[in-house]
Amino acid sequence: MKKIALISDDICSLPPSIIRKFEIEIVKTKMSFPEWEKWQERNIYQVIKETKKIPKTAAPSAGDFLKAYQKFKNIAEKILVITISSRLSGVFNSAFFARELFEDPTKIFLFDSELAVAGEGLLVLRAGELIKEGKDIEEILKELEILKKKIKFLAYLKTLFFAKKSGRISFWQKFSFDILKILGVTPYLGIKEGEIKFSGFNLWTYNPLNAIFNQIKREAKKGKIRVGINYTDNIGFALKLKEKIEKELKAEISFFSSVPPIVGAITGPGTLILACHNL
């Protein structure tokens, strides 16, 4: 019997290789986008650009999580569940209600990452490593609690049109973002205390690659860093940044992967997301 099984949601955006390696059970979020179904030969970002519409999204149901719990009922002593920030989605609540329905709720340990995408991914990855090392659940939860406060999250969005339309940000956040862009300032979004907020501004270069790199470089000055990178439809740009970080900062790129469509639909085309922490 396994000591600890690991469950997360697809917002963690980890690549399949890591999911297989650490035997992570992924509970998927839900999305409905009729416009995309009409043009299946196009990717979701092309449809979003042309229609200016966004999909309807929903957290997994409690039943979805309950199925995942049942899968490990007889093959794991304990189950660790790491979710996207409870302030950004109802995923944590679904996982919680499913635990109450499970025949032995004491086996299930819920952890609110207070992050999303690459930031959440770094936590899930570390949890997988600690489980493989044979750590106890109490040790793992303690380390994850410390780690989530150390993770620097950075999102570069070309526009906040889609995030605003989905209700993830306020009118004033979008208004401020648009004004700053007009003035030649590149704002960055981050996640603080589980919520989306501005985390930094670039005033030094109009080159977006260098602008994002400068933000990561600041963290690297504190010591060795571990980095996770997610992208939407801009894999070429993301690859250039990955190579620049590896070459100039000698940093560990733990994963490099696309976000699930549900994230790309909210953040919009051209989005780049990074998360890092000092080792």
C-alpha atoms as a PDB file:
ATOM      1  CA  MET A   1       0.000   0.000   0.000  1.00  0.00           C
ATOM      2  CA  LYS A   2       1.214   3.500  -0.862  1.00  0.00           C
ATOM      3  CA  LYS A   3       1.984   5.748   2.072  1.00  0.00           C
ATOM      4  CA  ILE A   4       0.568   8.926   0.498  1.00  0.00           C
ATOM      5  CA  ALA A   5      -1.339   9.513  -2.748  1.00  0.00           C
ATOM      6  CA  LEU A   6      -1.223  12.935  -4.407  1.00  0.00           C
ATOM      7  CA  ILE A   7      -4.159  14.700  -6.083  1.00  0.00           C
ATOM      8  CA  SER A   8      -4.308  18.133  -7.720  1.00  0.00           C
ATOM      9  CA  ASP A   9      -6.341  20.036 -10.316  1.00  0.00           C
ATOM     10  CA  ASP A  10      -5.322  20.681 -13.919  1.00  0.00           C
ATOM     11  CA  ILE A  11      -4.703  24.376 -13.154  1.00  0.00           C
ATOM     12  CA  CYS A  12      -1.301  23.338 -11.764  1.00  0.00           C
ATOM     13  CA  SER A  13      -0.284  23.047 -15.450  1.00  0.00           C
ATOM     14  CA  LEU A  14       2.407  20.431 -14.926  1.00  0.00           C
ATOM     15  CA  PRO A  15       3.597  18.524 -18.003  1.00  0.00           C
ATOM     16  CA  PRO A  16       2.540  14.875 -18.475  1.00  0.00           C
ATOM     17  CA  SER A  17       6.082  13.624 -17.762  1.00  0.00           C
ATOM     18  CA  ILE A  18       6.006  15.008 -14.210  1.00  0.00           C
ATOM     19  CA  ILE A  19       2.436  13.852 -13.631  1.00  0.00           C
ATOM     20  CA  ARG A  20       3.455  10.301 -14.607  1.00  0.00           C
ATOM     21  CA  LYS A  21       6.720  10.345 -12.660  1.00  0.00           C
ATOM     22  CA  PHE A  22       5.069  11.305  -9.377  1.00  0.00           C
ATOM     23  CA  GLU A  23       1.793   9.469 -10.052  1.00  0.00           C
ATOM     24  CA  ILE A  24      -0.295  12.607  -9.574  1.00  0.00           C
ATOM     25  CA  GLU A  25      -4.034  12.205  -9.983  1.00  0.00           C
ATOM     26  CA  ILE A  26      -5.402  15.223 -11.865  1.00  0.00           C
ATOM     27  CA  VAL A  27      -9.018  16.321 -11.391  1.00  0.00           C
ATOM     28  CA  LYS A  28     -10.021  18.443 -14.364  1.00  0.00           C
ATOM     29  CA  THR A  29     -11.894  21.715 -14.375  1.00  0.00           C
ATOM     30  CA  LYS A  30     -14.827  22.170 -16.761  1.00  0.00           C
ATOM     31  CA  MET A  31     -15.206  24.438 -19.781  1.00  0.00           C
ATOM     32  CA  SER A  32     -17.950  25.098 -22.329  1.00  0.00           C
ATOM     33  CA  PHE A  33     -17.094  27.056 -25.477  1.00  0.00           C
ATOM     34  CA  PRO A  34     -19.621  26.535 -28.324  1.00  0.00           C
ATOM     35  CA  GLU A  35     -17.729  28.950 -30.596  1.00  0.00           C
ATOM     36  CA  TRP A  36     -14.656  26.697 -30.489  1.00  0.00           C
ATOM     37  CA  GLU A  37     -16.768  23.661 -31.370  1.00  0.00           C
ATOM     38  CA  LYS A  38     -17.783  25.381 -34.612  1.00  0.00           C
ATOM     39  CA  TRP A  39     -14.149  25.785 -35.718  1.00  0.00           C
ATOM     40  CA  GLN A  40     -12.390  22.747 -34.327  1.00  0.00           C
ATOM     41  CA  GLU A  41      -9.596  23.095 -36.863  1.00  0.00           C
ATOM     42  CA  ARG A  42      -8.489  26.308 -35.111  1.00  0.00           C
ATOM     43  CA  ASN A  43      -6.888  26.545 -31.694  1.00  0.00           C
ATOM     44  CA  ILE A  44      -8.781  28.160 -28.870  1.00  0.00           C
ATOM     45  CA  TYR A  45      -6.700  31.341 -29.009  1.00  0.00           C
ATOM     46  CA  GLN A  46      -7.562  31.983 -32.649  1.00  0.00           C
ATOM     47  CA  VAL A  47     -11.258  31.652 -31.821  1.00  0.00           C
ATOM     48  CA  ILE A  48     -10.941  33.954 -28.794  1.00  0.00           C
ATOM     49  CA  LYS A  49      -9.156  36.612 -30.866  1.00  0.00           C
ATOM     50  CA  GLU A  50     -11.764  36.511 -33.626  1.00  0.00           C
ATOM     51  CA  THR A  51     -14.927  36.253 -31.536  1.00  0.00           C
ATOM     52  CA  LYS A  52     -13.824  38.268 -28.471  1.00  0.00           C
ATOM     53  CA  LYS A  53     -15.798  35.730 -26.485  1.00  0.00           C
ATOM     54  CA  ILE A  54     -14.637  33.565 -23.614  1.00  0.00           C
ATOM     55  CA  PRO A  55     -15.750  30.106 -22.503  1.00  0.00           C
ATOM     56  CA  LYS A  56     -17.937  29.369 -19.518  1.00  0.00           C
ATOM     57  CA  THR A  57     -15.833  27.737 -16.840  1.00  0.00           C
ATOM     58  CA  ALA A  58     -16.560  25.762 -13.700  1.00  0.00           C
ATOM     59  CA  ALA A  59     -14.704  23.997 -10.929  1.00  0.00           C
ATOM     60  CA  PRO A  60     -14.814  20.193 -10.772  1.00  0.00           C
ATOM     61  CA  SER A  61     -17.796  18.894  -8.832  1.00  0.00           C
ATOM     62  CA  ALA A  62     -17.535  17.265  -5.423  1.00  0.00           C
ATOM     63  CA  GLY A  63     -18.384  14.056  -7.274  1.00  0.00           C
ATOM     64  CA  ASP A  64     -15.291  14.414  -9.446  1.00  0.00           C
ATOM     65  CA  PHE A  65     -13.084  14.615  -6.368  1.00  0.00           C
ATOM     66  CA  LEU A  66     -14.944  11.804  -4.668  1.00  0.00           C
ATOM     67  CA  LYS A  67     -14.128   9.528  -7.625  1.00  0.00           C
ATOM     68  CA  ALA A  68     -10.450  10.423  -7.219  1.00  0.00           C
ATOM     69  CA  TYR A  69     -10.616   9.672  -3.482  1.00  0.00           C
ATOM     70  CA  GLN A  70     -12.303   6.334  -4.127  1.00  0.00           C
ATOM     71  CA  LYS A  71      -9.522   5.391  -6.518  1.00  0.00           C
ATOM     72  CA  PHE A  72      -7.028   5.457  -3.648  1.00  0.00           C
ATOM     73  CA  LYS A  73      -9.338   4.068  -0.963  1.00  0.00           C
ATOM     74  CA  ASN A  74      -7.597   0.713  -0.758  1.00  0.00           C
ATOM     75  CA  ILE A  75      -4.161   1.562  -2.136  1.00  0.00           C
ATOM     76  CA  ALA A  76      -3.024   4.553  -0.068  1.00  0.00           C
ATOM     77  CA  GLU A  77      -2.874   5.186   3.656  1.00  0.00           C
ATOM     78  CA  LYS A  78      -3.372   8.943   3.217  1.00  0.00           C
ATOM     79  CA  ILE A  79      -4.359  11.310   0.417  1.00  0.00           C
ATOM     80  CA  LEU A  80      -2.876  14.781  -0.065  1.00  0.00           C
ATOM     81  CA  VAL A  81      -4.942  17.198  -2.173  1.00  0.00           C
ATOM     82  CA  ILE A  82      -3.378  20.461  -3.407  1.00  0.00           C
ATOM     83  CA  THR A  83      -5.652  22.967  -5.128  1.00  0.00           C
ATOM     84  CA  ILE A  84      -5.613  26.348  -6.804  1.00  0.00           C
ATOM     85  CA  SER A  85      -6.187  29.278  -4.429  1.00  0.00           C
ATOM     86  CA  SER A  86      -9.631  29.083  -2.847  1.00  0.00           C
ATOM     87  CA  ARG A  87      -9.990  32.825  -3.522  1.00  0.00           C
ATOM     88  CA  LEU A  88      -9.700  32.282  -7.264  1.00  0.00           C
ATOM     89  CA  SER A  89     -11.838  29.201  -7.788  1.00  0.00           C
ATOM     90  CA  GLY A  90     -14.321  26.851  -6.167  1.00  0.00           C
ATOM     91  CA  VAL A  91     -11.977  23.867  -6.604  1.00  0.00           C
ATOM     92  CA  PHE A  92     -10.975  23.783  -2.931  1.00  0.00           C
ATOM     93  CA  ASN A  93     -14.613  23.824  -1.828  1.00  0.00           C
ATOM     94  CA  SER A  94     -15.431  20.904  -4.116  1.00  0.00           C
ATOM     95  CA  ALA A  95     -12.496  18.944  -2.691  1.00  0.00           C
ATOM     96  CA  PHE A  96     -13.672  19.800   0.836  1.00  0.00           C
ATOM     97  CA  PHE A  97     -17.269  18.690   0.287  1.00  0.00           C
ATOM     98  CA  ALA A  98     -16.046  15.475  -1.343  1.00  0.00           C
ATOM     99  CA  ARG A  99     -13.949  14.752   1.744  1.00  0.00           C
ATOM    100  CA  GLU A 100     -17.060  15.062   3.907  1.00  0.00           C
ATOM    101  CA  LEU A 101     -18.768  12.479   1.689  1.00  0.00           C
ATOM    102  CA  PHE A 102     -15.822  10.065   1.773  1.00  0.00           C
ATOM    103  CA  GLU A 103     -16.169   7.111   4.123  1.00  0.00           C
ATOM    104  CA  ASP A 104     -12.959   7.996   6.004  1.00  0.00           C
ATOM    105  CA  PRO A 105     -12.370  11.787   5.875  1.00  0.00           C
ATOM    106  CA  THR A 106      -9.375  11.500   8.235  1.00  0.00           C
ATOM    107  CA  LYS A 107      -7.355   9.968   5.384  1.00  0.00           C
ATOM    108  CA  ILE A 108      -7.663  13.119   3.276  1.00  0.00           C
ATOM    109  CA  PHE A 109      -5.518  16.220   3.807  1.00  0.00           C
ATOM    110  CA  LEU A 110      -6.464  19.368   1.890  1.00  0.00           C
ATOM    111  CA  PHE A 111      -3.916  22.074   1.108  1.00  0.00           C
ATOM    112  CA  ASP A 112      -4.897  25.450  -0.332  1.00  0.00           C
ATOM    113  CA  SER A 113      -1.900  26.539  -2.429  1.00  0.00           C
ATOM    114  CA  GLU A 114      -3.047  30.195  -2.434  1.00  0.00           C
ATOM    115  CA  LEU A 115      -1.463  30.158  -5.897  1.00  0.00           C
ATOM    116  CA  ALA A 116      -2.291  28.994  -9.413  1.00  0.00           C
ATOM    117  CA  VAL A 117      -0.678  27.700 -12.589  1.00  0.00           C
ATOM    118  CA  ALA A 118       3.155  27.585 -12.322  1.00  0.00           C
ATOM    119  CA  GLY A 119       3.121  28.639  -8.664  1.00  0.00           C
ATOM    120  CA  GLU A 120       0.735  25.851  -7.761  1.00  0.00           C
ATOM    121  CA  GLY A 121       2.754  23.546 -10.003  1.00  0.00           C
ATOM    122  CA  LEU A 122       5.954  24.134  -8.030  1.00  0.00           C
ATOM    123  CA  LEU A 123       4.120  23.173  -4.828  1.00  0.00           C
ATOM    124  CA  VAL A 124       2.639  20.016  -6.354  1.00  0.00           C
ATOM    125  CA  LEU A 125       6.038  19.063  -7.762  1.00  0.00           C
ATOM    126  CA  ARG A 126       7.710  19.508  -4.366  1.00  0.00           C
ATOM    127  CA  ALA A 127       4.973  17.487  -2.692  1.00  0.00           C
ATOM    128  CA  GLY A 128       5.601  14.665  -5.184  1.00  0.00           C
ATOM    129  CA  GLU A 129       9.323  14.739  -4.388  1.00  0.00           C
ATOM    130  CA  LEU A 130       8.714  14.669  -0.636  1.00  0.00           C
ATOM    131  CA  ILE A 131       6.318  11.743  -0.981  1.00  0.00           C
ATOM    132  CA  LYS A 132       8.940   9.823  -2.968  1.00  0.00           C
ATOM    133  CA  GLU A 133      11.471  10.611  -0.232  1.00  0.00           C
ATOM    134  CA  GLY A 134       9.172   8.886   2.238  1.00  0.00           C
ATOM    135  CA  LYS A 135       8.306  11.947   4.318  1.00  0.00           C
ATOM    136  CA  ASP A 136       5.333  11.880   6.669  1.00  0.00           C
ATOM    137  CA  ILE A 137       2.239  13.922   5.847  1.00  0.00           C
ATOM    138  CA  GLU A 138       2.917  16.324   8.732  1.00  0.00           C
ATOM    139  CA  GLU A 139       6.440  17.030   7.433  1.00  0.00           C
ATOM    140  CA  ILE A 140       5.142  17.575   3.912  1.00  0.00           C
ATOM    141  CA  LEU A 141       2.398  19.981   4.976  1.00  0.00           C
ATOM    142  CA  LYS A 142       4.858  21.959   7.091  1.00  0.00           C
ATOM    143  CA  GLU A 143       7.328  22.339   4.220  1.00  0.00           C
ATOM    144  CA  LEU A 144       4.598  23.255   1.723  1.00  0.00           C
ATOM    145  CA  GLU A 145       3.295  25.939   4.084  1.00  0.00           C
ATOM    146  CA  ILE A 146       6.761  27.518   4.211  1.00  0.00           C
ATOM    147  CA  LEU A 147       7.370  27.099   0.485  1.00  0.00           C
ATOM    148  CA  LYS A 148       4.157  28.742  -0.696  1.00  0.00           C
ATOM    149  CA  LYS A 149       5.192  31.952   1.058  1.00  0.00           C
ATOM    150  CA  LYS A 150       8.558  31.890  -0.753  1.00  0.00           C
ATOM    151  CA  ILE A 151       7.207  31.408  -4.272  1.00  0.00           C
ATOM    152  CA  LYS A 152       7.388  34.455  -6.528  1.00  0.00           C
ATOM    153  CA  PHE A 153       4.585  34.436  -9.102  1.00  0.00           C
ATOM    154  CA  LEU A 154       4.694  36.567 -12.238  1.00  0.00           C
ATOM    155  CA  ALA A 155       2.191  36.775 -15.090  1.00  0.00           C
ATOM    156  CA  TYR A 156       2.724  38.803 -18.254  1.00  0.00           C
ATOM    157  CA  LEU A 157      -0.559  39.434 -20.066  1.00  0.00           C
ATOM    158  CA  LYS A 158      -0.894  41.376 -23.289  1.00  0.00           C
ATOM    159  CA  THR A 159      -4.337  42.551 -22.249  1.00  0.00           C
ATOM    160  CA  LEU A 160      -6.696  42.234 -19.286  1.00  0.00           C
ATOM    161  CA  PHE A 161      -9.761  42.196 -21.533  1.00  0.00           C
ATOM    162  CA  PHE A 162     -10.374  38.482 -21.028  1.00  0.00           C
ATOM    163  CA  ALA A 163      -9.535  38.442 -17.316  1.00  0.00           C
ATOM    164  CA  LYS A 164     -11.947  41.316 -16.752  1.00  0.00           C
ATOM    165  CA  LYS A 165     -14.677  39.675 -18.842  1.00  0.00           C
ATOM    166  CA  SER A 166     -14.334  36.476 -16.821  1.00  0.00           C
ATOM    167  CA  GLY A 167     -14.650  38.416 -13.567  1.00  0.00           C
ATOM    168  CA  ARG A 168     -11.166  37.535 -12.316  1.00  0.00           C
ATOM    169  CA  ILE A 169     -10.093  41.176 -12.015  1.00  0.00           C
ATOM    170  CA  SER A 170     -11.890  44.435 -11.315  1.00  0.00           C
ATOM    171  CA  PHE A 171     -12.731  47.311 -13.648  1.00  0.00           C
ATOM    172  CA  TRP A 172     -10.164  49.506 -11.896  1.00  0.00           C
ATOM    173  CA  GLN A 173      -7.394  46.943 -12.269  1.00  0.00           C
ATOM    174  CA  LYS A 174      -8.026  46.782 -16.014  1.00  0.00           C
ATOM    175  CA  PHE A 175      -8.301  50.574 -16.240  1.00  0.00           C
ATOM    176  CA  SER A 176      -4.971  51.032 -14.438  1.00  0.00           C
ATOM    177  CA  PHE A 177      -3.346  48.347 -16.593  1.00  0.00           C
ATOM    178  CA  ASP A 178      -4.476  50.023 -19.827  1.00  0.00           C
ATOM    179  CA  ILE A 179      -3.290  53.472 -18.713  1.00  0.00           C
ATOM    180  CA  LEU A 180       0.123  52.144 -17.715  1.00  0.00           C
ATOM    181  CA  LYS A 181       0.515  50.370 -21.067  1.00  0.00           C
ATOM    182  CA  ILE A 182      -0.294  53.644 -22.871  1.00  0.00           C
ATOM    183  CA  LEU A 183       2.420  55.337 -20.814  1.00  0.00           C
ATOM    184  CA  GLY A 184       4.934  52.682 -21.819  1.00  0.00           C
ATOM    185  CA  VAL A 185       4.967  50.871 -18.488  1.00  0.00           C
ATOM    186  CA  THR A 186       4.653  47.078 -18.436  1.00  0.00           C
ATOM    187  CA  PRO A 187       2.639  45.934 -15.387  1.00  0.00           C
ATOM    188  CA  TYR A 188       2.962  42.404 -14.048  1.00  0.00           C
ATOM    189  CA  LEU A 189       0.295  40.471 -12.261  1.00  0.00           C
ATOM    190  CA  GLY A 190       1.020  38.317  -9.271  1.00  0.00           C
ATOM    191  CA  ILE A 191      -0.901  36.401  -6.636  1.00  0.00           C
ATOM    192  CA  LYS A 192      -0.734  37.769  -3.107  1.00  0.00           C
ATOM    193  CA  GLU A 193      -2.650  36.221  -0.244  1.00  0.00           C
ATOM    194  CA  GLY A 194      -4.439  34.073  -2.782  1.00  0.00           C
ATOM    195  CA  GLU A 195      -5.713  36.963  -4.922  1.00  0.00           C
ATOM    196  CA  ILE A 196      -4.635  38.482  -8.248  1.00  0.00           C
ATOM    197  CA  LYS A 197      -2.865  41.810  -7.769  1.00  0.00           C
ATOM    198  CA  PHE A 198      -0.254  43.950  -9.480  1.00  0.00           C
ATOM    199  CA  SER A 199       3.169  42.730  -8.397  1.00  0.00           C
ATOM    200  CA  GLY A 200       5.597  44.879 -10.369  1.00  0.00           C
ATOM    201  CA  PHE A 201       6.182  47.345 -13.183  1.00  0.00           C
ATOM    202  CA  ASN A 202       8.843  47.522 -15.871  1.00  0.00           C
ATOM    203  CA  LEU A 203      10.171  50.978 -16.709  1.00  0.00           C
ATOM    204  CA  TRP A 204      13.532  50.092 -18.229  1.00  0.00           C
ATOM    205  CA  THR A 205      12.920  48.412 -21.573  1.00  0.00           C
ATOM    206  CA  TYR A 206      10.254  48.061 -24.242  1.00  0.00           C
ATOM    207  CA  ASN A 207      11.523  44.553 -25.013  1.00  0.00           C
ATOM    208  CA  PRO A 208       9.095  42.191 -23.228  1.00  0.00           C
ATOM    209  CA  LEU A 209      11.666  39.378 -23.144  1.00  0.00           C
ATOM    210  CA  ASN A 210      14.195  41.520 -21.287  1.00  0.00           C
ATOM    211  CA  ALA A 211      11.490  43.004 -19.092  1.00  0.00           C
ATOM    212  CA  ILE A 212      10.382  39.598 -17.819  1.00  0.00           C
ATOM    213  CA  PHE A 213      13.949  38.342 -17.540  1.00  0.00           C
ATOM    214  CA  ASN A 214      14.863  41.321 -15.343  1.00  0.00           C
ATOM    215  CA  GLN A 215      12.150  40.325 -12.879  1.00  0.00           C
ATOM    216  CA  ILE A 216      13.520  36.781 -12.579  1.00  0.00           C
ATOM    217  CA  LYS A 217      17.082  38.064 -12.396  1.00  0.00           C
ATOM    218  CA  ARG A 218      16.212  39.921  -9.195  1.00  0.00           C
ATOM    219  CA  GLU A 219      15.260  36.659  -7.524  1.00  0.00           C
ATOM    220  CA  ALA A 220      18.385  34.916  -8.810  1.00  0.00           C
ATOM    221  CA  LYS A 221      20.576  37.502  -7.072  1.00  0.00           C
ATOM    222  CA  LYS A 222      19.394  36.072  -3.750  1.00  0.00           C
ATOM    223  CA  GLY A 223      20.743  32.622  -4.637  1.00  0.00           C
ATOM    224  CA  LYS A 224      19.939  29.594  -6.775  1.00  0.00           C
ATOM    225  CA  ILE A 225      16.370  29.454  -8.002  1.00  0.00           C
ATOM    226  CA  ARG A 226      13.927  26.874  -9.267  1.00  0.00           C
ATOM    227  CA  VAL A 227      11.632  28.017 -12.069  1.00  0.00           C
ATOM    228  CA  GLY A 228       8.380  26.852 -13.630  1.00  0.00           C
ATOM    229  CA  ILE A 229       7.219  28.329 -16.949  1.00  0.00           C
ATOM    230  CA  ASN A 230       3.768  28.184 -18.540  1.00  0.00           C
ATOM    231  CA  TYR A 231       2.646  29.656 -21.866  1.00  0.00           C
ATOM    232  CA  THR A 232      -0.448  29.925 -24.039  1.00  0.00           C
ATOM    233  CA  ASP A 233       0.013  30.270 -27.822  1.00  0.00           C
ATOM    234  CA  ASN A 234       3.472  31.859 -27.610  1.00  0.00           C
ATOM    235  CA  ILE A 235       5.784  28.873 -27.296  1.00  0.00           C
ATOM    236  CA  GLY A 236       8.533  30.545 -29.379  1.00  0.00           C
ATOM    237  CA  PHE A 237       8.718  33.517 -27.022  1.00  0.00           C
ATOM    238  CA  ALA A 238       8.584  31.217 -23.997  1.00  0.00           C
ATOM    239  CA  LEU A 239      11.445  29.093 -25.360  1.00  0.00           C
ATOM    240  CA  LYS A 240      13.643  32.159 -25.829  1.00  0.00           C
ATOM    241  CA  LEU A 241      13.018  33.166 -22.218  1.00  0.00           C
ATOM    242  CA  LYS A 242      13.718  29.618 -20.991  1.00  0.00           C
ATOM    243  CA  GLU A 243      17.033  29.526 -22.850  1.00  0.00           C
ATOM    244  CA  LYS A 244      18.006  32.971 -21.560  1.00  0.00           C
ATOM    245  CA  ILE A 245      17.275  31.987 -17.948  1.00  0.00           C
ATOM    246  CA  GLU A 246      19.215  28.730 -18.269  1.00  0.00           C
ATOM    247  CA  LYS A 247      22.184  30.326 -20.003  1.00  0.00           C
ATOM    248  CA  GLU A 248      22.580  33.557 -18.043  1.00  0.00           C
ATOM    249  CA  LEU A 249      21.230  32.622 -14.627  1.00  0.00           C
ATOM    250  CA  LYS A 250      22.146  28.908 -14.596  1.00  0.00           C
ATOM    251  CA  ALA A 251      18.740  28.323 -13.040  1.00  0.00           C
ATOM    252  CA  GLU A 252      16.848  25.047 -12.822  1.00  0.00           C
ATOM    253  CA  ILE A 253      13.788  25.026 -15.104  1.00  0.00           C
ATOM    254  CA  SER A 254      11.690  22.401 -13.365  1.00  0.00           C
ATOM    255  CA  PHE A 255       8.959  22.416 -15.990  1.00  0.00           C
ATOM    256  CA  PHE A 256       8.050  24.151 -19.231  1.00  0.00           C
ATOM    257  CA  SER A 257       4.482  23.532 -20.322  1.00  0.00           C
ATOM    258  CA  SER A 258       1.340  25.009 -21.807  1.00  0.00           C
ATOM    259  CA  VAL A 259      -1.564  25.990 -19.608  1.00  0.00           C
ATOM    260  CA  PRO A 260      -4.868  24.138 -19.948  1.00  0.00           C
ATOM    261  CA  PRO A 261      -7.362  25.876 -22.267  1.00  0.00           C
ATOM    262  CA  ILE A 262      -9.456  27.019 -19.300  1.00  0.00           C
ATOM    263  CA  VAL A 263      -6.531  29.164 -18.067  1.00  0.00           C
ATOM    264  CA  GLY A 264      -5.652  30.463 -21.536  1.00  0.00           C
ATOM    265  CA  ALA A 265      -9.262  31.462 -22.094  1.00  0.00           C
ATOM    266  CA  ILE A 266      -9.178  33.652 -18.980  1.00  0.00           C
ATOM    267  CA  THR A 267      -5.702  35.147 -19.421  1.00  0.00           C
ATOM    268  CA  GLY A 268      -5.909  35.523 -23.202  1.00  0.00           C
ATOM    269  CA  PRO A 269      -3.484  34.901 -26.085  1.00  0.00           C
ATOM    270  CA  GLY A 270       0.184  35.770 -25.630  1.00  0.00           C
ATOM    271  CA  THR A 271       0.206  35.145 -21.886  1.00  0.00           C
ATOM    272  CA  LEU A 272       3.387  34.011 -20.161  1.00  0.00           C
ATOM    273  CA  ILE A 273       3.421  32.807 -16.552  1.00  0.00           C
ATOM    274  CA  LEU A 274       6.455  32.167 -14.399  1.00  0.00           C
ATOM    275  CA  ALA A 275       6.955  31.107 -10.814  1.00  0.00           C
ATOM    276  CA  CYS A 276      10.176  30.641  -8.922  1.00  0.00           C
ATOM    277  CA  HIS A 277      11.631  30.244  -5.483  1.00  0.00           C
ATOM    278  CA  ASN A 278      15.075  30.163  -3.972  1.00  0.00           C
ATOM    279  CA  LEU A 279      16.524  26.768  -3.195  1.00  0.00           C
END
